[in-house]
Amino acid sequence: MLNSNNKACKSRGFTLIELMIVVAIIGILAAVAIPAYQANTSKANYTEIVLAASPYKTAIEICALTKGTLAILTCGHSLNGIPAAATASGKVTSAAITTGTANATNTAITVVPEASNGILATNTYVLTGTLVNGKVTWTDNCTTLC
């Protein structure tokens, strides 16, 4: 190409090598970012699972404080302010007090994740409370996503 002074002009643009370098950099960033994003999404979903146990946890602590027991006949569903078993909501399929393990000093809250959450579907969240000296101490089974 010639300009008005009959001198050759250098055309401006990106070379193929420069474009390939940019594509390679974007590929490397995507390879690192996508797994990190998926892990954070799973943790955020699991947070909703943990929060589903909160109403039960609080109500059981109040029942234990006022009644001095965790027995299912005293602190069971719909008794002394304990919520009834929850149905599907958001990432949660169900939330309930596990009646089979509740006695005067122990109880468990079980939250079942929605099956479509992949990794969460295999991790039922169980929060176990133990009554010692009028205080409920909670332990959970959270090992991979918290």
N, C-alpha and C. Protein backbone atom coordinates (compact mmCIF):
# COMPACT_ATOMS: atom_id res chain seq x y z
N MET A 1 0.85 -1.16 0.00
CA MET A 1 0.00 0.00 0.00
C MET A 1 0.90 1.23 0.00
N LEU A 2 0.52 2.23 -0.72
CA LEU A 2 1.31 3.45 -0.81
C LEU A 2 0.52 4.59 -0.19
N ASN A 3 1.24 5.46 0.51
CA ASN A 3 0.57 6.64 1.04
C ASN A 3 0.73 7.79 0.05
N SER A 4 0.34 8.99 0.42
CA SER A 4 0.38 10.12 -0.50
C SER A 4 1.80 10.48 -0.94
N ASN A 5 2.82 10.11 -0.20
CA ASN A 5 4.20 10.41 -0.55
C ASN A 5 4.86 9.24 -1.26
N ASN A 6 4.09 8.28 -1.73
CA ASN A 6 4.58 7.09 -2.41
C ASN A 6 5.53 6.26 -1.55
N LYS A 7 5.35 6.28 -0.27
CA LYS A 7 6.13 5.44 0.65
C LYS A 7 5.25 4.27 1.08
N ALA A 8 5.88 3.16 1.31
CA ALA A 8 5.13 1.98 1.73
C ALA A 8 4.66 2.14 3.17
N CYS A 9 3.40 1.83 3.42
CA CYS A 9 2.83 1.86 4.77
C CYS A 9 2.80 0.44 5.32
N LYS A 10 3.13 0.35 6.56
CA LYS A 10 3.03 -0.95 7.22
C LYS A 10 1.59 -1.10 7.71
N SER A 11 0.93 -2.21 7.33
CA SER A 11 -0.43 -2.41 7.80
C SER A 11 -0.39 -2.77 9.28
N ARG A 12 -1.42 -2.34 9.97
CA ARG A 12 -1.45 -2.56 11.41
C ARG A 12 -2.46 -3.66 11.72
N GLY A 13 -2.15 -4.50 12.70
CA GLY A 13 -3.02 -5.58 13.10
C GLY A 13 -2.26 -6.57 13.96
N PHE A 14 -2.94 -7.63 14.38
CA PHE A 14 -2.31 -8.64 15.21
C PHE A 14 -1.80 -9.77 14.34
N THR A 15 -0.66 -10.30 14.73
CA THR A 15 -0.14 -11.45 13.99
C THR A 15 -0.81 -12.72 14.51
N LEU A 16 -0.69 -13.77 13.78
CA LEU A 16 -1.27 -15.05 14.17
C LEU A 16 -0.67 -15.53 15.48
N ILE A 17 0.61 -15.33 15.68
CA ILE A 17 1.28 -15.75 16.92
C ILE A 17 0.70 -15.00 18.12
N GLU A 18 0.50 -13.71 17.98
CA GLU A 18 -0.06 -12.92 19.08
C GLU A 18 -1.48 -13.41 19.42
N LEU A 19 -2.27 -13.68 18.43
CA LEU A 19 -3.62 -14.19 18.68
C LEU A 19 -3.59 -15.56 19.34
N MET A 20 -2.67 -16.43 18.93
CA MET A 20 -2.55 -17.76 19.54
C MET A 20 -2.11 -17.66 21.00
N ILE A 21 -1.25 -16.71 21.31
CA ILE A 21 -0.81 -16.51 22.70
C ILE A 21 -2.00 -16.07 23.56
N VAL A 22 -2.81 -15.17 23.04
CA VAL A 22 -3.98 -14.71 23.79
C VAL A 22 -4.96 -15.87 24.03
N VAL A 23 -5.20 -16.68 23.03
CA VAL A 23 -6.09 -17.83 23.18
C VAL A 23 -5.53 -18.81 24.20
N ALA A 24 -4.22 -19.04 24.18
CA ALA A 24 -3.61 -19.95 25.15
C ALA A 24 -3.75 -19.42 26.57
N ILE A 25 -3.57 -18.12 26.77
CA ILE A 25 -3.70 -17.52 28.10
C ILE A 25 -5.14 -17.65 28.59
N ILE A 26 -6.11 -17.39 27.73
CA ILE A 26 -7.51 -17.53 28.11
C ILE A 26 -7.83 -18.99 28.47
N GLY A 27 -7.28 -19.93 27.72
CA GLY A 27 -7.49 -21.34 28.01
C GLY A 27 -6.93 -21.74 29.37
N ILE A 28 -5.76 -21.24 29.70
CA ILE A 28 -5.14 -21.55 31.01
C ILE A 28 -5.98 -20.94 32.13
N LEU A 29 -6.42 -19.70 31.97
CA LEU A 29 -7.25 -19.07 33.00
C LEU A 29 -8.57 -19.82 33.19
N ALA A 30 -9.17 -20.25 32.10
CA ALA A 30 -10.42 -21.00 32.20
C ALA A 30 -10.21 -22.35 32.89
N ALA A 31 -9.08 -23.00 32.61
CA ALA A 31 -8.80 -24.30 33.23
C ALA A 31 -8.65 -24.18 34.74
N VAL A 32 -8.20 -23.04 35.22
CA VAL A 32 -8.03 -22.82 36.66
C VAL A 32 -9.32 -22.30 37.28
N ALA A 33 -10.01 -21.40 36.59
CA ALA A 33 -11.16 -20.71 37.17
C ALA A 33 -12.41 -21.59 37.27
N ILE A 34 -12.66 -22.41 36.28
CA ILE A 34 -13.91 -23.20 36.27
C ILE A 34 -13.99 -24.18 37.44
N PRO A 35 -12.95 -24.98 37.73
CA PRO A 35 -13.05 -25.86 38.92
C PRO A 35 -13.21 -25.09 40.23
N ALA A 36 -12.53 -23.94 40.35
CA ALA A 36 -12.66 -23.14 41.57
C ALA A 36 -14.08 -22.61 41.70
N TYR A 37 -14.67 -22.19 40.61
CA TYR A 37 -16.05 -21.70 40.62
C TYR A 37 -17.02 -22.81 41.03
N GLN A 38 -16.82 -24.01 40.49
CA GLN A 38 -17.71 -25.12 40.82
C GLN A 38 -17.60 -25.50 42.29
N ALA A 39 -16.38 -25.46 42.84
CA ALA A 39 -16.21 -25.78 44.26
C ALA A 39 -16.92 -24.74 45.13
N ASN A 40 -16.80 -23.46 44.77
CA ASN A 40 -17.46 -22.42 45.54
C ASN A 40 -18.98 -22.51 45.43
N THR A 41 -19.48 -22.90 44.27
CA THR A 41 -20.92 -23.09 44.10
C THR A 41 -21.42 -24.22 45.00
N SER A 42 -20.66 -25.31 45.07
CA SER A 42 -21.06 -26.43 45.94
C SER A 42 -21.06 -26.01 47.40
N LYS A 43 -20.07 -25.22 47.81
CA LYS A 43 -20.03 -24.74 49.19
C LYS A 43 -21.21 -23.83 49.49
N ALA A 44 -21.57 -22.99 48.54
CA ALA A 44 -22.72 -22.10 48.73
C ALA A 44 -24.01 -22.90 48.85
N ASN A 45 -24.16 -23.93 48.03
CA ASN A 45 -25.33 -24.80 48.12
C ASN A 45 -25.37 -25.50 49.47
N TYR A 46 -24.20 -25.94 49.97
CA TYR A 46 -24.14 -26.64 51.24
C TYR A 46 -24.50 -25.71 52.40
N THR A 47 -24.19 -24.43 52.25
CA THR A 47 -24.55 -23.46 53.28
C THR A 47 -26.06 -23.42 53.46
N GLU A 48 -26.81 -23.50 52.37
CA GLU A 48 -28.27 -23.53 52.47
C GLU A 48 -28.74 -24.78 53.20
N ILE A 49 -28.03 -25.88 53.00
CA ILE A 49 -28.37 -27.13 53.70
C ILE A 49 -28.16 -26.95 55.21
N VAL A 50 -27.03 -26.37 55.59
CA VAL A 50 -26.73 -26.15 57.01
C VAL A 50 -27.75 -25.19 57.63
N LEU A 51 -28.10 -24.14 56.90
CA LEU A 51 -29.05 -23.18 57.44
C LEU A 51 -30.45 -23.77 57.62
N ALA A 52 -30.78 -24.80 56.86
CA ALA A 52 -32.10 -25.44 57.02
C ALA A 52 -32.25 -26.09 58.39
N ALA A 53 -31.13 -26.43 59.03
CA ALA A 53 -31.17 -27.05 60.35
C ALA A 53 -31.33 -26.02 61.47
N SER A 54 -31.13 -24.74 61.18
CA SER A 54 -31.13 -23.70 62.22
C SER A 54 -32.42 -23.60 63.03
N PRO A 55 -33.61 -23.61 62.41
CA PRO A 55 -34.82 -23.50 63.23
C PRO A 55 -34.97 -24.65 64.22
N TYR A 56 -34.59 -25.85 63.79
CA TYR A 56 -34.66 -27.01 64.67
C TYR A 56 -33.66 -26.89 65.82
N LYS A 57 -32.46 -26.46 65.46
CA LYS A 57 -31.40 -26.33 66.46
C LYS A 57 -31.81 -25.34 67.56
N THR A 58 -32.28 -24.18 67.16
CA THR A 58 -32.69 -23.17 68.13
C THR A 58 -33.86 -23.65 68.99
N ALA A 59 -34.86 -24.23 68.36
CA ALA A 59 -36.03 -24.70 69.10
C ALA A 59 -35.68 -25.82 70.06
N ILE A 60 -34.80 -26.72 69.65
CA ILE A 60 -34.38 -27.82 70.54
C ILE A 60 -33.61 -27.27 71.73
N GLU A 61 -32.76 -26.28 71.50
CA GLU A 61 -32.02 -25.68 72.61
C GLU A 61 -32.96 -25.03 73.62
N ILE A 62 -33.98 -24.34 73.13
CA ILE A 62 -34.96 -23.71 74.03
C ILE A 62 -35.74 -24.78 74.78
N CYS A 63 -36.15 -25.83 74.08
CA CYS A 63 -36.88 -26.91 74.74
C CYS A 63 -36.01 -27.57 75.82
N ALA A 64 -34.74 -27.81 75.51
CA ALA A 64 -33.83 -28.43 76.48
C ALA A 64 -33.64 -27.52 77.69
N LEU A 65 -33.58 -26.22 77.45
CA LEU A 65 -33.39 -25.27 78.55
C LEU A 65 -34.62 -25.22 79.45
N THR A 66 -35.80 -25.22 78.85
CA THR A 66 -37.01 -25.10 79.67
C THR A 66 -37.48 -26.43 80.25
N LYS A 67 -37.28 -27.53 79.52
CA LYS A 67 -37.77 -28.84 79.96
C LYS A 67 -36.69 -29.73 80.56
N GLY A 68 -35.41 -29.43 80.29
CA GLY A 68 -34.32 -30.23 80.85
C GLY A 68 -34.13 -31.58 80.19
N THR A 69 -34.66 -31.76 78.98
CA THR A 69 -34.54 -33.04 78.30
C THR A 69 -34.54 -32.82 76.79
N LEU A 70 -34.05 -33.81 76.08
CA LEU A 70 -34.13 -33.83 74.62
C LEU A 70 -35.03 -34.97 74.14
N ALA A 71 -35.78 -35.56 75.03
CA ALA A 71 -36.63 -36.69 74.67
C ALA A 71 -37.60 -36.28 73.57
N ILE A 72 -37.79 -37.17 72.61
CA ILE A 72 -38.64 -36.88 71.46
C ILE A 72 -40.09 -36.64 71.88
N LEU A 73 -40.52 -37.22 72.99
CA LEU A 73 -41.89 -37.01 73.47
C LEU A 73 -42.07 -35.59 74.01
N THR A 74 -40.98 -34.95 74.39
CA THR A 74 -41.04 -33.58 74.91
C THR A 74 -40.61 -32.57 73.86
N CYS A 75 -39.54 -32.89 73.14
CA CYS A 75 -38.97 -31.96 72.16
C CYS A 75 -39.08 -32.50 70.75
N GLY A 76 -40.17 -33.15 70.43
CA GLY A 76 -40.37 -33.69 69.08
C GLY A 76 -41.03 -32.67 68.17
N HIS A 77 -41.37 -33.09 66.97
CA HIS A 77 -42.01 -32.19 66.01
C HIS A 77 -43.32 -31.63 66.56
N SER A 78 -43.50 -30.34 66.38
CA SER A 78 -44.71 -29.62 66.77
C SER A 78 -44.93 -29.63 68.28
N LEU A 79 -43.92 -29.95 69.07
CA LEU A 79 -44.03 -29.91 70.53
C LEU A 79 -43.11 -28.82 71.07
N ASN A 80 -43.63 -27.99 71.96
CA ASN A 80 -42.83 -26.95 72.61
C ASN A 80 -42.08 -26.07 71.62
N GLY A 81 -42.71 -25.73 70.52
CA GLY A 81 -42.11 -24.81 69.57
C GLY A 81 -41.19 -25.42 68.54
N ILE A 82 -41.02 -26.74 68.54
CA ILE A 82 -40.17 -27.41 67.54
C ILE A 82 -40.94 -27.44 66.22
N PRO A 83 -40.32 -26.98 65.12
CA PRO A 83 -41.04 -27.00 63.84
C PRO A 83 -41.36 -28.41 63.37
N ALA A 84 -42.44 -28.53 62.62
CA ALA A 84 -42.77 -29.81 61.98
C ALA A 84 -41.74 -30.10 60.91
N ALA A 85 -41.68 -31.33 60.44
CA ALA A 85 -40.71 -31.70 59.41
C ALA A 85 -40.91 -30.82 58.18
N ALA A 86 -39.79 -30.31 57.65
CA ALA A 86 -39.84 -29.42 56.49
C ALA A 86 -39.93 -30.23 55.21
N THR A 87 -40.56 -29.63 54.22
CA THR A 87 -40.62 -30.24 52.91
C THR A 87 -39.61 -29.55 51.99
N ALA A 88 -39.61 -29.93 50.72
CA ALA A 88 -38.64 -29.40 49.76
C ALA A 88 -38.72 -27.88 49.69
N SER A 89 -37.54 -27.27 49.71
CA SER A 89 -37.43 -25.82 49.60
C SER A 89 -36.02 -25.47 49.17
N GLY A 90 -35.86 -24.82 48.03
CA GLY A 90 -34.53 -24.44 47.56
C GLY A 90 -33.66 -25.66 47.29
N LYS A 91 -32.54 -25.76 47.95
CA LYS A 91 -31.61 -26.87 47.78
C LYS A 91 -31.90 -28.03 48.72
N VAL A 92 -32.95 -27.91 49.53
CA VAL A 92 -33.26 -28.89 50.57
C VAL A 92 -34.45 -29.74 50.16
N THR A 93 -34.31 -31.07 50.27
CA THR A 93 -35.42 -31.98 50.02
C THR A 93 -36.28 -32.10 51.27
N SER A 94 -35.63 -32.26 52.43
CA SER A 94 -36.38 -32.35 53.68
C SER A 94 -35.47 -32.01 54.84
N ALA A 95 -36.07 -31.59 55.93
CA ALA A 95 -35.34 -31.35 57.18
C ALA A 95 -36.21 -31.88 58.31
N ALA A 96 -35.61 -32.61 59.22
CA ALA A 96 -36.40 -33.22 60.28
C ALA A 96 -35.53 -33.58 61.46
N ILE A 97 -36.18 -33.76 62.60
CA ILE A 97 -35.51 -34.34 63.76
C ILE A 97 -35.54 -35.84 63.55
N THR A 98 -34.40 -36.48 63.69
CA THR A 98 -34.35 -37.92 63.51
C THR A 98 -34.91 -38.57 64.77
N THR A 99 -36.11 -39.09 64.67
CA THR A 99 -36.80 -39.59 65.86
C THR A 99 -36.18 -40.86 66.42
N GLY A 100 -35.52 -41.62 65.60
CA GLY A 100 -34.97 -42.88 66.07
C GLY A 100 -33.82 -42.73 67.04
N THR A 101 -33.11 -41.59 67.01
CA THR A 101 -31.95 -41.45 67.88
C THR A 101 -32.19 -40.50 69.05
N ALA A 102 -33.37 -39.92 69.13
CA ALA A 102 -33.61 -38.94 70.19
C ALA A 102 -33.94 -39.65 71.50
N ASN A 103 -33.28 -39.22 72.57
CA ASN A 103 -33.61 -39.70 73.91
C ASN A 103 -33.44 -38.53 74.87
N ALA A 104 -33.31 -38.78 76.13
CA ALA A 104 -33.24 -37.69 77.10
C ALA A 104 -31.99 -36.82 76.96
N THR A 105 -30.90 -37.36 76.42
CA THR A 105 -29.67 -36.57 76.33
C THR A 105 -29.13 -36.40 74.91
N ASN A 106 -29.71 -37.08 73.93
CA ASN A 106 -29.22 -36.96 72.55
C ASN A 106 -30.37 -36.78 71.57
N THR A 107 -30.12 -36.02 70.52
CA THR A 107 -31.06 -35.91 69.42
C THR A 107 -30.28 -35.60 68.16
N ALA A 108 -30.90 -35.79 67.01
CA ALA A 108 -30.23 -35.51 65.74
C ALA A 108 -31.19 -34.79 64.82
N ILE A 109 -30.64 -33.84 64.06
CA ILE A 109 -31.39 -33.14 63.02
C ILE A 109 -30.81 -33.60 61.69
N THR A 110 -31.64 -34.06 60.79
CA THR A 110 -31.18 -34.56 59.50
C THR A 110 -31.74 -33.67 58.40
N VAL A 111 -30.84 -33.19 57.52
CA VAL A 111 -31.25 -32.39 56.37
C VAL A 111 -30.82 -33.15 55.13
N VAL A 112 -31.76 -33.42 54.24
CA VAL A 112 -31.48 -34.17 53.02
C VAL A 112 -31.43 -33.19 51.85
N PRO A 113 -30.29 -33.12 51.15
CA PRO A 113 -30.16 -32.20 50.02
C PRO A 113 -31.00 -32.66 48.83
N GLU A 114 -31.33 -31.70 47.98
CA GLU A 114 -32.05 -32.00 46.75
C GLU A 114 -31.19 -32.87 45.85
N ALA A 115 -31.77 -33.86 45.22
CA ALA A 115 -31.02 -34.84 44.43
C ALA A 115 -30.32 -34.23 43.23
N SER A 116 -30.78 -33.11 42.71
CA SER A 116 -30.18 -32.53 41.51
C SER A 116 -28.92 -31.74 41.80
N ASN A 117 -28.46 -31.69 43.05
CA ASN A 117 -27.28 -30.92 43.39
C ASN A 117 -25.98 -31.70 43.25
N GLY A 118 -25.99 -32.82 42.55
CA GLY A 118 -24.76 -33.55 42.30
C GLY A 118 -24.09 -34.03 43.57
N ILE A 119 -22.96 -33.43 43.93
CA ILE A 119 -22.18 -33.87 45.08
C ILE A 119 -22.98 -33.75 46.37
N LEU A 120 -23.89 -32.78 46.45
CA LEU A 120 -24.67 -32.61 47.67
C LEU A 120 -25.68 -33.72 47.88
N ALA A 121 -26.12 -34.34 46.80
CA ALA A 121 -27.15 -35.37 46.91
C ALA A 121 -26.67 -36.57 47.73
N THR A 122 -25.38 -36.77 47.81
CA THR A 122 -24.85 -37.91 48.56
C THR A 122 -24.48 -37.54 49.99
N ASN A 123 -24.57 -36.28 50.34
CA ASN A 123 -24.14 -35.82 51.67
C ASN A 123 -25.31 -35.35 52.50
N THR A 124 -26.00 -36.28 53.15
CA THR A 124 -27.06 -35.89 54.09
C THR A 124 -26.39 -35.25 55.29
N TYR A 125 -26.87 -34.10 55.70
CA TYR A 125 -26.29 -33.34 56.80
C TYR A 125 -26.99 -33.75 58.09
N VAL A 126 -26.22 -34.25 59.05
CA VAL A 126 -26.77 -34.65 60.34
C VAL A 126 -26.09 -33.84 61.43
N LEU A 127 -26.90 -33.15 62.20
CA LEU A 127 -26.42 -32.34 63.31
C LEU A 127 -26.89 -33.03 64.59
N THR A 128 -25.95 -33.47 65.43
CA THR A 128 -26.28 -34.23 66.62
C THR A 128 -26.09 -33.38 67.86
N GLY A 129 -27.13 -33.30 68.67
CA GLY A 129 -27.07 -32.53 69.91
C GLY A 129 -26.98 -33.43 71.11
N THR A 130 -26.16 -33.04 72.08
CA THR A 130 -26.00 -33.77 73.33
C THR A 130 -26.25 -32.80 74.48
N LEU A 131 -27.12 -33.19 75.39
CA LEU A 131 -27.46 -32.37 76.54
C LEU A 131 -26.54 -32.73 77.71
N VAL A 132 -25.74 -31.77 78.15
CA VAL A 132 -24.84 -31.97 79.29
C VAL A 132 -24.96 -30.74 80.19
N ASN A 133 -25.34 -30.97 81.44
CA ASN A 133 -25.47 -29.90 82.42
C ASN A 133 -26.37 -28.76 81.93
N GLY A 134 -27.48 -29.11 81.30
CA GLY A 134 -28.44 -28.10 80.85
C GLY A 134 -28.07 -27.36 79.58
N LYS A 135 -26.97 -27.76 78.94
CA LYS A 135 -26.53 -27.09 77.72
C LYS A 135 -26.44 -28.11 76.59
N VAL A 136 -26.94 -27.72 75.41
CA VAL A 136 -26.87 -28.61 74.24
C VAL A 136 -25.59 -28.30 73.47
N THR A 137 -24.78 -29.34 73.26
CA THR A 137 -23.57 -29.23 72.46
C THR A 137 -23.81 -29.92 71.13
N TRP A 138 -23.52 -29.21 70.03
CA TRP A 138 -23.82 -29.73 68.69
C TRP A 138 -22.55 -30.20 68.00
N THR A 139 -22.66 -31.33 67.33
CA THR A 139 -21.58 -31.82 66.45
C THR A 139 -22.22 -32.16 65.11
N ASP A 140 -21.48 -31.95 64.04
CA ASP A 140 -22.04 -32.25 62.72
C ASP A 140 -21.13 -33.19 61.97
N ASN A 141 -21.62 -33.68 60.85
CA ASN A 141 -20.86 -34.62 60.04
C ASN A 141 -20.23 -33.95 58.82
N CYS A 142 -20.11 -32.64 58.86
CA CYS A 142 -19.58 -31.89 57.72
C CYS A 142 -18.08 -32.13 57.58
N THR A 143 -17.69 -32.82 56.52
CA THR A 143 -16.27 -33.12 56.35
C THR A 143 -15.71 -32.62 55.03
N THR A 144 -16.50 -32.60 53.97
CA THR A 144 -15.94 -32.28 52.67
C THR A 144 -16.24 -30.88 52.17
N LEU A 145 -17.39 -30.32 52.50
CA LEU A 145 -17.78 -29.06 51.87
C LEU A 145 -17.82 -27.86 52.80
N CYS A 146 -17.32 -27.98 54.02
CA CYS A 146 -17.38 -26.82 54.88
C CYS A 146 -16.00 -26.37 55.30
